[in-house]
C-alpha atoms as a PDB file:
ATOM      1  CA  MET A   1     -59.237 -33.470 -26.376  1.00  0.00           C
ATOM      2  CA  ARG A   2     -56.322 -35.643 -27.385  1.00  0.00           C
ATOM      3  CA  ARG A   3     -54.898 -33.086 -29.705  1.00  0.00           C
ATOM      4  CA  SER A   4     -54.994 -30.542 -26.885  1.00  0.00           C
ATOM      5  CA  ALA A   5     -52.720 -32.802 -24.571  1.00  0.00           C
ATOM      6  CA  LEU A   6     -50.391 -33.249 -27.433  1.00  0.00           C
ATOM      7  CA  ASP A   7     -49.897 -29.533 -28.029  1.00  0.00           C
ATOM      8  CA  VAL A   8     -49.458 -28.789 -24.250  1.00  0.00           C
ATOM      9  CA  SER A   9     -46.781 -31.664 -24.034  1.00  0.00           C
ATOM     10  CA  VAL A  10     -44.827 -30.068 -27.202  1.00  0.00           C
ATOM     11  CA  GLY A  11     -44.994 -26.740 -25.583  1.00  0.00           C
ATOM     12  CA  VAL A  12     -43.588 -27.890 -22.263  1.00  0.00           C
ATOM     13  CA  PHE A  13     -40.966 -29.857 -24.114  1.00  0.00           C
ATOM     14  CA  LEU A  14     -39.988 -26.841 -26.068  1.00  0.00           C
ATOM     15  CA  LEU A  15     -39.897 -24.548 -23.234  1.00  0.00           C
ATOM     16  CA  LEU A  16     -37.687 -26.896 -21.376  1.00  0.00           C
ATOM     17  CA  GLY A  17     -35.255 -27.096 -24.124  1.00  0.00           C
ATOM     18  CA  ILE A  18     -35.160 -23.449 -24.380  1.00  0.00           C
ATOM     19  CA  LEU A  19     -34.397 -22.956 -20.695  1.00  0.00           C
ATOM     20  CA  ALA A  20     -31.865 -25.605 -20.859  1.00  0.00           C
ATOM     21  CA  LEU A  21     -30.168 -23.792 -23.959  1.00  0.00           C
ATOM     22  CA  ALA A  22     -30.223 -20.478 -21.887  1.00  0.00           C
ATOM     23  CA  TRP A  23     -28.524 -22.024 -18.746  1.00  0.00           C
ATOM     24  CA  LEU A  24     -25.970 -23.789 -20.909  1.00  0.00           C
ATOM     25  CA  SER A  25     -25.352 -20.349 -22.631  1.00  0.00           C
ATOM     26  CA  VAL A  26     -24.888 -18.583 -19.177  1.00  0.00           C
ATOM     27  CA  GLN A  27     -22.485 -21.326 -17.899  1.00  0.00           C
ATOM     28  CA  LEU A  28     -20.275 -21.430 -20.990  1.00  0.00           C
ATOM     29  CA  GLY A  29     -20.263 -17.699 -21.634  1.00  0.00           C
ATOM     30  CA  ARG A  30     -19.223 -17.062 -17.922  1.00  0.00           C
ATOM     31  CA  VAL A  31     -22.152 -14.481 -17.727  1.00  0.00           C
ATOM     32  CA  GLU A  32     -23.104 -13.371 -14.355  1.00  0.00           C
ATOM     33  CA  LEU A  33     -26.837 -12.466 -14.558  1.00  0.00           C
ATOM     34  CA  PHE A  34     -27.225 -10.726 -11.203  1.00  0.00           C
ATOM     35  CA  GLY A  35     -23.997  -8.824 -10.975  1.00  0.00           C
ATOM     36  CA  GLY A  36     -22.034 -11.378  -9.301  1.00  0.00           C
ATOM     37  CA  GLY A  37     -20.804 -11.359  -5.580  1.00  0.00           C
ATOM     38  CA  GLY A  38     -17.514 -10.191  -4.286  1.00  0.00           C
ATOM     39  CA  TYR A  39     -15.898  -6.923  -4.378  1.00  0.00           C
ATOM     40  CA  ALA A  40     -14.533  -4.466  -7.097  1.00  0.00           C
ATOM     41  CA  ALA A  41     -10.905  -3.242  -7.455  1.00  0.00           C
ATOM     42  CA  THR A  42      -9.055  -1.698 -10.142  1.00  0.00           C
ATOM     43  CA  ALA A  43      -5.522  -1.663 -11.567  1.00  0.00           C
ATOM     44  CA  ASP A  44      -3.988   0.658 -14.109  1.00  0.00           C
ATOM     45  CA  PHE A  45      -1.492  -0.791 -16.845  1.00  0.00           C
ATOM     46  CA  PRO A  46       0.044   1.193 -19.806  1.00  0.00           C
ATOM     47  CA  ALA A  47      -1.321  -1.574 -22.174  1.00  0.00           C
ATOM     48  CA  VAL A  48      -3.430  -4.617 -21.736  1.00  0.00           C
ATOM     49  CA  GLY A  49      -1.908  -6.639 -24.631  1.00  0.00           C
ATOM     50  CA  GLY A  50      -5.006  -8.261 -25.787  1.00  0.00           C
ATOM     51  CA  LEU A  51      -6.807  -8.959 -22.493  1.00  0.00           C
ATOM     52  CA  LYS A  52     -10.553  -8.960 -22.903  1.00  0.00           C
ATOM     53  CA  PRO A  53     -13.415  -8.324 -20.350  1.00  0.00           C
ATOM     54  CA  GLY A  54     -14.450 -11.797 -18.789  1.00  0.00           C
ATOM     55  CA  ALA A  55     -10.806 -12.939 -18.351  1.00  0.00           C
ATOM     56  CA  THR A  56     -10.235 -14.619 -14.943  1.00  0.00           C
ATOM     57  CA  VAL A  57      -8.121 -13.306 -12.362  1.00  0.00           C
ATOM     58  CA  GLU A  58      -5.976 -15.999 -10.431  1.00  0.00           C
ATOM     59  CA  ILE A  59      -3.600 -16.655  -7.691  1.00  0.00           C
ATOM     60  CA  ALA A  60      -1.541 -19.829  -7.958  1.00  0.00           C
ATOM     61  CA  GLY A  61      -3.724 -21.069 -11.035  1.00  0.00           C
ATOM     62  CA  VAL A  62      -6.871 -20.582  -8.850  1.00  0.00           C
ATOM     63  CA  PRO A  63      -9.668 -18.564 -10.283  1.00  0.00           C
ATOM     64  CA  ILE A  64     -10.450 -15.766  -7.622  1.00  0.00           C
ATOM     65  CA  GLY A  65     -12.236 -13.305  -9.952  1.00  0.00           C
ATOM     66  CA  ARG A  66     -12.991 -11.809 -13.406  1.00  0.00           C
ATOM     67  CA  VAL A  67     -12.202  -8.777 -15.447  1.00  0.00           C
ATOM     68  CA  GLU A  68     -15.435  -6.937 -15.446  1.00  0.00           C
ATOM     69  CA  ARG A  69     -14.613  -4.230 -18.029  1.00  0.00           C
ATOM     70  CA  ILE A  70     -11.467  -2.241 -19.459  1.00  0.00           C
ATOM     71  CA  SER A  71     -11.624   1.485 -19.785  1.00  0.00           C
ATOM     72  CA  LEU A  72      -9.159   4.375 -20.309  1.00  0.00           C
ATOM     73  CA  ALA A  73      -8.074   6.559 -17.622  1.00  0.00           C
ATOM     74  CA  ASP A  74      -5.327   9.164 -17.920  1.00  0.00           C
ATOM     75  CA  TYR A  75      -4.252   7.352 -21.122  1.00  0.00           C
ATOM     76  CA  ARG A  76      -3.780   4.231 -19.323  1.00  0.00           C
ATOM     77  CA  ALA A  77      -5.890   0.928 -19.402  1.00  0.00           C
ATOM     78  CA  ARG A  78      -7.947   0.562 -16.350  1.00  0.00           C
ATOM     79  CA  LEU A  79      -8.847  -2.940 -15.348  1.00  0.00           C
ATOM     80  CA  HIS A  80     -12.132  -3.234 -13.248  1.00  0.00           C
ATOM     81  CA  LEU A  81     -11.984  -6.440 -11.298  1.00  0.00           C
ATOM     82  CA  ARG A  82     -14.451  -8.455  -9.431  1.00  0.00           C
ATOM     83  CA  LEU A  83     -12.869 -10.549  -6.946  1.00  0.00           C
ATOM     84  CA  ARG A  84     -14.382 -13.203  -4.530  1.00  0.00           C
ATOM     85  CA  PRO A  85     -15.307 -11.946  -0.997  1.00  0.00           C
ATOM     86  CA  ASP A  86     -13.370 -14.674   0.636  1.00  0.00           C
ATOM     87  CA  VAL A  87     -10.176 -13.444  -0.939  1.00  0.00           C
ATOM     88  CA  GLN A  88      -8.599 -10.528   0.751  1.00  0.00           C
ATOM     89  CA  LEU A  89      -5.369  -9.204  -0.944  1.00  0.00           C
ATOM     90  CA  SER A  90      -2.875  -6.876   0.523  1.00  0.00           C
ATOM     91  CA  ASP A  91      -2.316  -3.305  -0.945  1.00  0.00           C
ATOM     92  CA  ASP A  92       1.217  -4.435  -2.189  1.00  0.00           C
ATOM     93  CA  SER A  93      -0.009  -7.461  -4.217  1.00  0.00           C
ATOM     94  CA  ILE A  94       1.367  -7.506  -7.929  1.00  0.00           C
ATOM     95  CA  VAL A  95      -0.917  -7.591 -10.480  1.00  0.00           C
ATOM     96  CA  SER A  96       0.233  -8.876 -13.972  1.00  0.00           C
ATOM     97  CA  ILE A  97      -1.194  -9.770 -17.327  1.00  0.00           C
ATOM     98  CA  LYS A  98      -0.015 -13.363 -18.317  1.00  0.00           C
ATOM     99  CA  THR A  99      -0.735 -15.671 -21.365  1.00  0.00           C
ATOM    100  CA  ARG A 100      -1.600 -19.353 -21.399  1.00  0.00           C
ATOM    101  CA  GLY A 101       0.790 -21.112 -23.341  1.00  0.00           C
ATOM    102  CA  LEU A 102       2.548 -19.622 -26.476  1.00  0.00           C
ATOM    103  CA  ILE A 103      -0.761 -18.175 -28.233  1.00  0.00           C
ATOM    104  CA  GLY A 104      -3.261 -18.831 -25.487  1.00  0.00           C
ATOM    105  CA  GLU A 105      -5.823 -16.607 -23.753  1.00  0.00           C
ATOM    106  CA  LYS A 106      -4.800 -13.765 -21.432  1.00  0.00           C
ATOM    107  CA  PHE A 107      -5.527 -13.809 -17.901  1.00  0.00           C
ATOM    108  CA  VAL A 108      -4.585 -11.647 -14.694  1.00  0.00           C
ATOM    109  CA  GLN A 109      -2.225 -12.918 -12.327  1.00  0.00           C
ATOM    110  CA  VAL A 110      -2.001 -11.759  -8.807  1.00  0.00           C
ATOM    111  CA  ASN A 111       0.898 -12.415  -6.575  1.00  0.00           C
ATOM    112  CA  PRO A 112      -0.104 -11.496  -2.932  1.00  0.00           C
ATOM    113  CA  GLY A 113       1.968  -9.080  -1.207  1.00  0.00           C
ATOM    114  CA  GLY A 114       3.133  -9.182   2.633  1.00  0.00           C
ATOM    115  CA  SER A 115       1.595  -5.941   3.865  1.00  0.00           C
ATOM    116  CA  ASP A 116      -0.918  -5.628   6.804  1.00  0.00           C
ATOM    117  CA  ARG A 117      -2.981  -3.081   4.797  1.00  0.00           C
ATOM    118  CA  MET A 118      -5.735  -4.904   2.495  1.00  0.00           C
ATOM    119  CA  VAL A 119      -7.245  -3.465  -0.575  1.00  0.00           C
ATOM    120  CA  ALA A 120     -10.582  -2.002   0.356  1.00  0.00           C
ATOM    121  CA  PRO A 121     -13.633  -2.482  -1.850  1.00  0.00           C
ATOM    122  CA  GLY A 122     -13.305  -0.271  -4.810  1.00  0.00           C
ATOM    123  CA  GLY A 123      -9.672   0.318  -4.082  1.00  0.00           C
ATOM    124  CA  ARG A 124      -6.883   0.185  -6.444  1.00  0.00           C
ATOM    125  CA  PHE A 125      -3.799  -2.081  -6.909  1.00  0.00           C
ATOM    126  CA  THR A 126      -0.627   0.126  -7.411  1.00  0.00           C
ATOM    127  CA  GLU A 127       1.964  -2.747  -7.958  1.00  0.00           C
ATOM    128  CA  ILE A 128       1.588  -3.904 -11.757  1.00  0.00           C
ATOM    129  CA  GLU A 129       3.653  -5.795 -14.058  1.00  0.00           C
ATOM    130  CA  PRO A 130       2.779  -4.873 -17.674  1.00  0.00           C
ATOM    131  CA  PRO A 131       2.194  -7.753 -20.085  1.00  0.00           C
ATOM    132  CA  VAL A 132       5.121  -8.891 -22.287  1.00  0.00           C
ATOM    133  CA  ASP A 133       4.661  -7.976 -26.127  1.00  0.00           C
ATOM    134  CA  LEU A 134       5.730 -11.102 -27.849  1.00  0.00           C
ATOM    135  CA  GLU A 135       5.420  -9.575 -31.354  1.00  0.00           C
ATOM    136  CA  GLU A 136       7.953  -6.552 -30.255  1.00  0.00           C
ATOM    137  CA  ILE A 137      10.482  -9.161 -28.991  1.00  0.00           C
ATOM    138  CA  ILE A 138      10.385 -11.219 -32.171  1.00  0.00           C
ATOM    139  CA  SER A 139      10.370  -8.020 -34.331  1.00  0.00           C
ATOM    140  CA  LYS A 140      13.834  -6.887 -32.301  1.00  0.00           C
ATOM    141  CA  TYR A 141      15.227 -10.194 -32.789  1.00  0.00           C
ATOM    142  CA  VAL A 142      14.524 -10.646 -36.425  1.00  0.00           C
ATOM    143  CA  PHE A 143      15.473  -7.088 -37.417  1.00  0.00           C
ATOM    144  CA  GLY A 144      18.571  -7.009 -35.404  1.00  0.00           C
ATOM    145  CA  GLY A 145      17.396  -5.000 -32.152  1.00  0.00           C
ATOM    146  CA  VAL A 146      18.740  -7.580 -29.835  1.00  0.00           C
ATOM    147  CA  ASP A 147      22.573  -7.667 -29.061  1.00  0.00           C
ATOM    148  CA  SER A 148      24.279 -10.636 -30.245  1.00  0.00           C
ATOM    149  CA  PRO A 149      26.774 -12.644 -27.953  1.00  0.00           C
ATOM    150  CA  VAL A 150      29.193 -13.021 -31.148  1.00  0.00           C
ATOM    151  CA  PRO A 151      31.805 -10.224 -31.214  1.00  0.00           C
ATOM    152  CA  PRO A 152      31.989  -8.131 -34.471  1.00  0.00           C
ATOM    153  CA  SER A 153      33.780  -9.723 -37.369  1.00  0.00           C
ATOM    154  CA  GLY A 154      36.425  -6.773 -37.376  1.00  0.00           C
ATOM    155  CA  ALA A 155      37.445  -7.652 -33.692  1.00  0.00           C
ATOM    156  CA  GLU A 156      40.032 -10.065 -33.690  1.00  0.00           C
ATOM    157  CA  GLN A 157      40.845 -11.932 -30.449  1.00  0.00           C
ATOM    158  CA  LYS A 158      44.579 -12.227 -29.425  1.00  0.00           C
END
């Protein structure tokens, strides 16, 4: 009888440990098991510059949603966003892809517009700002693609 009680207690302890690990994985992985709340919206970009599904959508640094997935539509990257239901955005809001820090993670920033018309569930943001390609800027600077403020050596000032 004593051996059976020990087996049950070890089994319960093991089950609680597995449940705690599963809960921790869901919380740290930012996974929504039941589809999440809120409403869907899309935005089309010429490129996403390393943005990944699961990235946050923010207004003024406050998270208001997530990037559910990224697909290709008419040779443009289409972001499928899931936004909180209490945040209604106007149809002239500007959606842009930003980077935290110099080499940080990518996220979507929304600058609310002033229109009276709101983006309906399943609607699309039309005002976008593509991400800055840091590698392209650096390569232009390194390989002479950026104009220099110094006049050419052949030009003399009088």
